[in-house]
Protein backbone atom coordinates (compact mmCIF):
# COMPACT_ATOMS: atom_id res chain seq x y z
CA MET A 1 0.03 0.04 0.01
CA LYS A 2 2.91 2.41 0.80
CA ARG A 3 4.50 1.58 -2.57
CA PHE A 4 1.29 2.32 -4.44
CA THR A 5 0.83 5.66 -2.51
CA LEU A 6 4.36 6.57 -3.31
CA ALA A 7 3.93 5.75 -7.02
CA LEU A 8 0.65 7.71 -7.05
CA LEU A 9 2.50 10.73 -5.52
CA VAL A 10 5.18 10.54 -8.19
CA LEU A 11 2.48 10.48 -10.87
CA VAL A 12 0.79 13.55 -9.35
CA VAL A 13 4.14 15.42 -9.35
CA VAL A 14 4.88 14.59 -12.98
CA ALA A 15 1.24 15.48 -13.90
CA GLY A 16 1.72 18.87 -12.30
CA ALA A 17 4.87 19.48 -14.23
CA SER A 18 3.14 18.41 -17.43
CA LEU A 19 0.62 21.22 -16.99
CA LEU A 20 3.40 23.82 -17.28
CA VAL A 21 5.10 22.46 -20.35
CA GLY A 22 4.07 23.85 -23.73
CA VAL A 23 4.63 26.62 -26.20
CA GLY A 24 2.35 28.91 -24.16
CA HIS A 25 4.28 29.97 -21.04
CA LEU A 26 2.56 29.05 -17.71
CA SER A 27 3.79 29.24 -14.13
CA TRP A 28 2.14 28.30 -10.88
CA SER A 29 2.89 31.78 -9.50
CA ALA A 30 0.84 33.39 -12.32
CA LEU A 31 -2.03 31.04 -11.70
CA VAL A 32 -2.30 31.23 -7.89
CA SER A 33 -1.54 34.93 -7.45
CA PRO A 34 -4.39 37.19 -6.15
CA THR A 35 -4.87 38.45 -9.68
CA PRO A 36 -4.19 35.43 -11.96
CA ASP A 37 -3.27 35.98 -15.61
CA GLU A 38 -6.51 35.50 -17.51
CA ARG A 39 -4.80 34.16 -20.57
CA ALA A 40 -2.82 31.62 -18.54
CA VAL A 41 -6.03 30.46 -16.77
CA GLN A 42 -7.70 30.09 -20.20
CA VAL A 43 -4.80 28.03 -21.55
CA LEU A 44 -4.85 25.85 -18.47
CA VAL A 45 -8.54 25.17 -18.52
CA VAL A 46 -9.10 24.82 -22.28
CA SER A 47 -5.92 22.96 -23.30
CA ARG A 48 -3.54 21.70 -20.56
CA ILE A 49 -6.06 20.15 -18.14
CA PRO A 50 -8.05 18.36 -20.88
CA ARG A 51 -4.84 17.11 -22.40
CA LEU A 52 -3.59 15.78 -19.07
CA LEU A 53 -6.91 14.11 -18.31
CA ALA A 54 -6.98 12.53 -21.74
CA VAL A 55 -3.40 11.15 -21.28
CA LEU A 56 -4.25 9.69 -17.97
CA LEU A 57 -7.51 8.10 -19.09
CA VAL A 58 -5.91 6.62 -22.23
CA GLY A 59 -3.01 5.19 -20.28
CA THR A 60 -5.21 3.69 -17.64
CA SER A 61 -7.85 2.16 -19.90
CA LEU A 62 -5.42 0.75 -22.56
CA GLY A 63 -3.18 -0.80 -19.89
CA VAL A 64 -6.13 -2.64 -18.34
CA ALA A 65 -7.47 -3.61 -21.78
CA GLY A 66 -4.05 -5.15 -22.53
CA LEU A 67 -4.18 -7.16 -19.30
CA ILE A 68 -7.64 -8.50 -20.14
CA MET A 69 -6.48 -9.44 -23.65
CA GLN A 70 -3.52 -11.38 -22.30
CA MET A 71 -5.74 -13.29 -19.90
CA LEU A 72 -8.28 -14.19 -22.59
CA ALA A 73 -5.63 -15.23 -25.07
CA ARG A 74 -3.50 -16.80 -22.36
CA ASN A 75 -0.38 -15.20 -23.75
CA ARG A 76 1.83 -12.40 -22.39
CA PHE A 77 2.56 -10.81 -25.77
CA VAL A 78 -0.95 -9.92 -26.86
CA GLU A 79 -2.67 -6.54 -26.62
CA PRO A 80 -5.14 -4.53 -28.78
CA ALA A 81 -2.30 -3.34 -31.08
CA THR A 82 -1.00 -6.98 -31.69
CA ALA A 83 -4.37 -8.71 -32.02
CA GLY A 84 -6.07 -6.79 -34.83
CA THR A 85 -8.31 -4.90 -32.42
CA ALA A 86 -6.91 -1.44 -33.16
CA GLU A 87 -6.84 -2.05 -36.87
CA SER A 88 -10.46 -3.37 -36.84
CA ALA A 89 -11.57 -0.19 -35.04
CA SER A 90 -9.87 1.97 -37.66
CA LEU A 91 -11.65 -0.01 -40.40
CA GLY A 92 -14.97 0.55 -38.60
CA MET A 93 -14.22 4.33 -38.36
CA LEU A 94 -13.45 4.36 -42.06
CA ALA A 95 -16.66 2.53 -42.92
CA ALA A 96 -18.72 4.93 -40.73
CA THR A 97 -17.05 8.01 -42.15
CA ALA A 98 -17.37 6.89 -45.80
CA LEU A 99 -20.92 5.46 -45.66
CA ALA A 100 -22.57 7.79 -43.16
CA PRO A 101 -20.48 10.92 -42.62
CA GLN A 102 -23.38 12.74 -41.02
CA LEU A 103 -23.45 10.38 -38.03
CA PRO A 104 -22.45 11.88 -34.67
CA VAL A 105 -19.11 10.87 -33.13
CA LEU A 106 -20.82 8.57 -30.54
CA ALA A 107 -22.51 6.59 -33.31
CA LYS A 108 -19.25 6.27 -35.21
CA MET A 109 -17.56 5.10 -32.03
CA GLY A 110 -20.23 2.41 -31.68
CA ILE A 111 -19.58 1.16 -35.22
CA ALA A 112 -15.84 1.17 -34.52
CA ALA A 113 -16.43 -0.85 -31.36
CA LEU A 114 -18.44 -3.42 -33.25
CA PHE A 115 -15.70 -3.78 -35.81
CA ALA A 116 -13.12 -4.09 -33.03
CA LEU A 117 -15.17 -6.72 -31.31
CA ALA A 118 -15.49 -8.68 -34.54
CA GLY A 119 -11.76 -8.41 -35.21
CA THR A 120 -10.81 -9.53 -31.66
CA ALA A 121 -13.30 -12.41 -31.83
CA LEU A 122 -11.81 -13.50 -35.16
CA PHE A 123 -8.31 -13.41 -33.61
CA LEU A 124 -9.41 -15.66 -30.71
CA LEU A 125 -11.20 -17.98 -33.14
CA ILE A 126 -8.01 -18.31 -35.21
CA LEU A 127 -6.08 -19.20 -32.05
CA GLN A 128 -8.48 -22.05 -31.31
CA ARG A 129 -7.55 -23.54 -34.68
CA ILE A 130 -3.85 -23.41 -34.05
CA PRO A 131 -2.50 -26.65 -32.56
CA LEU A 132 0.76 -25.13 -31.29
CA ARG A 133 0.30 -21.87 -29.30
CA SER A 134 3.90 -20.92 -28.47
CA VAL A 135 4.92 -17.67 -26.90
CA LEU A 136 5.78 -16.30 -30.41
CA VAL A 137 3.10 -17.84 -32.59
CA VAL A 138 0.16 -16.12 -30.93
CA PRO A 139 1.45 -12.46 -31.25
CA LEU A 140 2.63 -13.26 -34.83
CA VAL A 141 -0.87 -14.36 -35.75
CA GLY A 142 -2.27 -11.14 -34.31
CA ILE A 143 0.29 -9.02 -36.17
CA VAL A 144 -0.44 -10.79 -39.46
CA LEU A 145 -4.22 -10.41 -38.95
CA GLY A 146 -3.77 -6.73 -38.07
CA GLY A 147 -1.62 -6.24 -41.16
CA ILE A 148 -4.33 -7.73 -43.39
CA ILE A 149 -7.03 -5.55 -41.89
CA ASP A 150 -4.78 -2.48 -42.10
CA SER A 151 -4.07 -3.18 -45.74
CA VAL A 152 -7.79 -3.35 -46.52
CA THR A 153 -8.29 -0.04 -44.61
CA THR A 154 -5.47 1.64 -46.48
CA PHE A 155 -6.79 0.40 -49.83
CA PHE A 156 -10.26 1.88 -49.37
CA ALA A 157 -8.95 5.02 -47.59
CA HIS A 158 -6.75 5.68 -50.63
CA ARG A 159 -9.71 5.30 -52.98
CA MET A 160 -11.83 7.59 -50.88
CA GLU A 161 -9.03 10.09 -50.15
CA LEU A 162 -9.25 9.52 -46.41
CA LEU A 163 -5.64 8.44 -45.75
CA GLN A 164 -5.06 11.44 -43.54
CA SER A 165 -7.97 10.51 -41.33
CA VAL A 166 -6.75 6.90 -41.06
CA ASN A 167 -3.27 8.10 -40.02
CA ALA A 168 -4.90 10.21 -37.26
CA TRP A 169 -6.72 7.12 -35.91
CA THR A 170 -3.67 4.96 -35.96
CA THR A 171 -1.18 7.47 -34.46
CA GLY A 172 -1.83 8.63 -30.90
CA ASP A 173 -1.43 12.39 -30.64
CA PHE A 174 -2.60 14.52 -27.72
CA SER A 175 -1.75 17.92 -29.28
CA THR A 176 -5.27 18.33 -30.66
CA VAL A 177 -7.03 17.58 -27.37
CA LEU A 178 -9.12 20.50 -26.14
CA ARG A 179 -12.08 20.97 -23.82
CA GLY A 180 -15.11 19.50 -25.49
CA ARG A 181 -13.12 17.01 -27.61
CA TYR A 182 -12.00 14.42 -25.13
CA GLU A 183 -14.97 13.84 -22.75
CA LEU A 184 -15.81 10.55 -24.48
CA LEU A 185 -12.80 9.07 -22.79
CA TRP A 186 -14.51 9.30 -19.37
CA VAL A 187 -16.49 6.23 -20.43
CA THR A 188 -13.25 4.30 -20.51
CA LEU A 189 -12.82 5.02 -16.84
CA GLY A 190 -16.17 3.32 -16.20
CA LEU A 191 -15.13 0.35 -18.31
CA THR A 192 -11.91 0.15 -16.30
CA CYS A 193 -13.89 0.06 -13.07
CA LEU A 194 -16.09 -2.67 -14.53
CA ALA A 195 -12.91 -4.64 -15.31
CA TYR A 196 -11.88 -4.35 -11.69
CA VAL A 197 -15.26 -5.57 -10.50
CA ALA A 198 -14.93 -8.61 -12.72
CA ALA A 199 -11.23 -9.09 -12.05
CA ASP A 200 -11.54 -12.36 -10.26
CA ARG A 201 -13.57 -13.86 -13.14
CA PHE A 202 -10.85 -12.75 -15.64
CA THR A 203 -8.24 -14.43 -13.36
CA VAL A 204 -10.12 -17.71 -13.45
CA ALA A 205 -10.80 -17.47 -17.20
CA GLY A 206 -7.04 -17.00 -17.77
CA MET A 207 -6.61 -20.62 -16.46
CA GLY A 208 -8.62 -22.13 -19.27
CA GLU A 209 -12.16 -23.09 -20.19
CA SER A 210 -12.24 -26.46 -18.35
CA PHE A 211 -10.96 -24.99 -15.08
CA THR A 212 -13.44 -22.10 -15.30
CA THR A 213 -16.35 -24.45 -15.94
CA ASN A 214 -15.32 -26.74 -13.04
CA LEU A 215 -15.62 -23.78 -10.71
CA GLY A 216 -19.17 -23.17 -11.83
CA LEU A 217 -18.49 -20.05 -14.00
CA ARG A 218 -19.66 -19.48 -17.52
CA TYR A 219 -16.49 -19.17 -19.50
CA ARG A 220 -18.04 -17.77 -22.69
CA ARG A 221 -19.86 -14.99 -20.82
CA ILE A 222 -16.58 -13.91 -19.18
CA VAL A 223 -14.88 -13.91 -22.57
CA VAL A 224 -17.66 -11.85 -24.08
CA LEU A 225 -17.50 -9.34 -21.28
CA GLY A 226 -13.71 -9.04 -21.66
CA LEU A 227 -14.07 -8.61 -25.49
CA VAL A 228 -16.73 -5.86 -25.03
CA ILE A 229 -14.53 -3.98 -22.59
CA VAL A 230 -11.45 -4.24 -24.81
CA SER A 231 -13.32 -3.31 -27.95
CA MET A 232 -15.08 -0.29 -26.58
CA VAL A 233 -11.93 1.05 -24.89
CA THR A 234 -9.97 0.57 -28.16
CA ALA A 235 -12.71 2.24 -30.24
CA MET A 236 -12.95 5.25 -27.94
CA VAL A 237 -9.17 5.76 -27.88
CA VAL A 238 -8.92 5.46 -31.67
CA VAL A 239 -11.85 7.89 -32.20
CA THR A 240 -10.50 10.48 -29.72
CA VAL A 241 -6.70 10.56 -29.86
CA GLY A 242 -5.47 7.57 -31.95
CA MET A 243 -3.80 4.33 -30.85
CA ILE A 244 -0.84 4.03 -28.54
CA PRO A 245 1.30 1.03 -29.47
CA PHE A 246 2.87 -1.43 -26.98
CA LEU A 247 1.21 0.16 -23.92
CA GLY A 248 -1.15 -2.73 -23.30
CA LEU A 249 1.67 -5.14 -23.77
CA ILE A 250 4.50 -3.62 -21.72
CA VAL A 251 2.78 -2.33 -18.63
CA PRO A 252 0.85 -5.58 -17.70
CA ASN A 253 4.02 -7.63 -18.29
CA VAL A 254 6.11 -5.42 -15.99
CA VAL A 255 3.41 -5.45 -13.33
CA SER A 256 3.06 -9.31 -13.53
CA LEU A 257 6.70 -9.73 -12.78
CA VAL A 258 6.09 -8.16 -9.36
CA MET A 259 2.37 -8.76 -8.62
CA GLY A 260 1.81 -12.13 -10.28
CA ASP A 261 -1.26 -13.13 -12.27
CA ASN A 262 -3.99 -11.98 -9.86
CA ALA A 263 -6.04 -9.50 -11.85
CA ARG A 264 -7.58 -7.85 -8.76
CA ARG A 265 -4.14 -7.07 -7.35
CA SER A 266 -2.69 -6.09 -10.72
CA ILE A 267 -5.34 -3.85 -12.20
CA PRO A 268 -4.62 -0.78 -9.92
CA TRP A 269 -0.94 -1.11 -10.66
CA VAL A 270 -1.52 -1.59 -14.39
CA ALA A 271 -3.86 1.49 -14.47
CA LEU A 272 -1.18 3.59 -12.58
CA GLY A 273 1.66 2.29 -14.73
CA GLY A 274 -0.24 2.84 -17.95
CA ALA A 275 -1.06 6.44 -16.99
CA GLY A 276 2.52 7.04 -16.04
CA PHE A 277 3.90 5.52 -19.27
CA VAL A 278 1.71 7.64 -21.52
CA LEU A 279 2.34 10.70 -19.42
CA VAL A 280 6.11 10.34 -19.65
CA CYS A 281 5.91 9.74 -23.42
CA ASP A 282 3.64 12.77 -23.96
CA LEU A 283 5.96 14.93 -21.75
CA LEU A 284 9.16 13.84 -23.60
CA GLY A 285 7.43 14.50 -26.86
CA ARG A 286 6.93 18.11 -25.94
CA VAL A 287 10.41 18.80 -24.58
CA VAL A 288 12.74 16.76 -26.96
CA ARG A 289 12.34 19.26 -29.86
CA PHE A 290 10.74 22.19 -28.10
CA PRO A 291 8.83 24.20 -29.27
CA TYR A 292 8.00 21.51 -31.79
CA GLU A 293 6.21 18.34 -30.67
CA ILE A 294 6.69 14.64 -31.35
CA PRO A 295 3.49 12.58 -31.07
CA GLY A 296 3.31 10.56 -27.88
CA ALA A 297 2.61 7.37 -29.89
CA THR A 298 5.99 7.74 -31.66
CA LEU A 299 7.94 7.78 -28.41
CA ALA A 300 5.71 5.00 -26.99
CA GLY A 301 6.52 2.94 -30.01
CA ILE A 302 10.25 3.47 -29.56
CA LEU A 303 10.37 2.80 -25.82
CA GLY A 304 7.75 0.02 -26.05
CA SER A 305 9.55 -1.79 -28.87
CA LEU A 306 12.81 -1.84 -26.81
CA LEU A 307 11.00 -3.10 -23.71
CA PHE A 308 9.14 -5.63 -25.81
CA LEU A 309 12.38 -7.04 -27.16
CA HIS A 310 13.77 -7.25 -23.68
CA LEU A 311 10.75 -9.20 -22.46
CA LEU A 312 10.77 -11.41 -25.53
CA LEU A 313 14.39 -12.36 -25.04
CA ARG A 314 14.05 -13.05 -21.36
CA ARG A 315 14.91 -16.71 -20.60
CA ASN A 316 11.99 -17.04 -18.24
CA ALA A 317 9.39 -15.44 -20.58
CA ARG A 318 6.08 -17.14 -19.92
CA VAL A 319 3.13 -17.76 -22.14
CA GLY A 320 0.68 -16.44 -19.45
């Protein structure tokens, strides 16, 4: 408990520093003075606070979604970005934008969630047909499936001149987050809480269908619940800010090395670690080439790929 409180305190300190970083100059003295700078307050309320909240919500929800995916697939190297989930959500957004551009964002998100659910279910169905599910085969299947779906998306996006929109959905970037353009992400917090409530069921489901059934639980219902949570979280993130690669893979693996495979114990740490990972990537993206900005997804891809290779090459890497 003390370690969690200390980690939370560190996250709060980094988050406070993040509010002051940007092209527009801000300082705490200007904000808390008896006559605060009106422009500084406006920048803080309209841009910096919404951006910080979006970063924290995305990191928290994607980290937990990755943990659920790993339990359902029973493999440590699976997450929405390596299982075709994110690519399916992008294809759903493309279909909604091309066929019914007048639909509100919430409706488009629903269509993207349905496509993400179908893509993830297809991934799990393919896994059931594979006789040998080694630690490497499962993520490779997901990467191949995601590549096929992404190729279809790119083909139709090129024909419809929507490639720029597709790139925005596949590359996580928080620079465009403003008040009124991120509030959909609060739903992901509710889904994360739902995952915590059902954490024990996900832990049991991660031990296999036979074991789950012997304990009197309905395995397929647990799988459907997990798929719905993962699909809706992925769709909302894709619609709002774009996808963050490797987040749902790295954070749950690091946490499992310390906390084990108990989802109820791991979810708070995964949520905290995911928020911290995205926050650090976003903060580095703003300071590396200041005043220019590197998308947080780019840095997350660099750091995540290095950590992924480290985990992959570990001698004691486990299937999950």
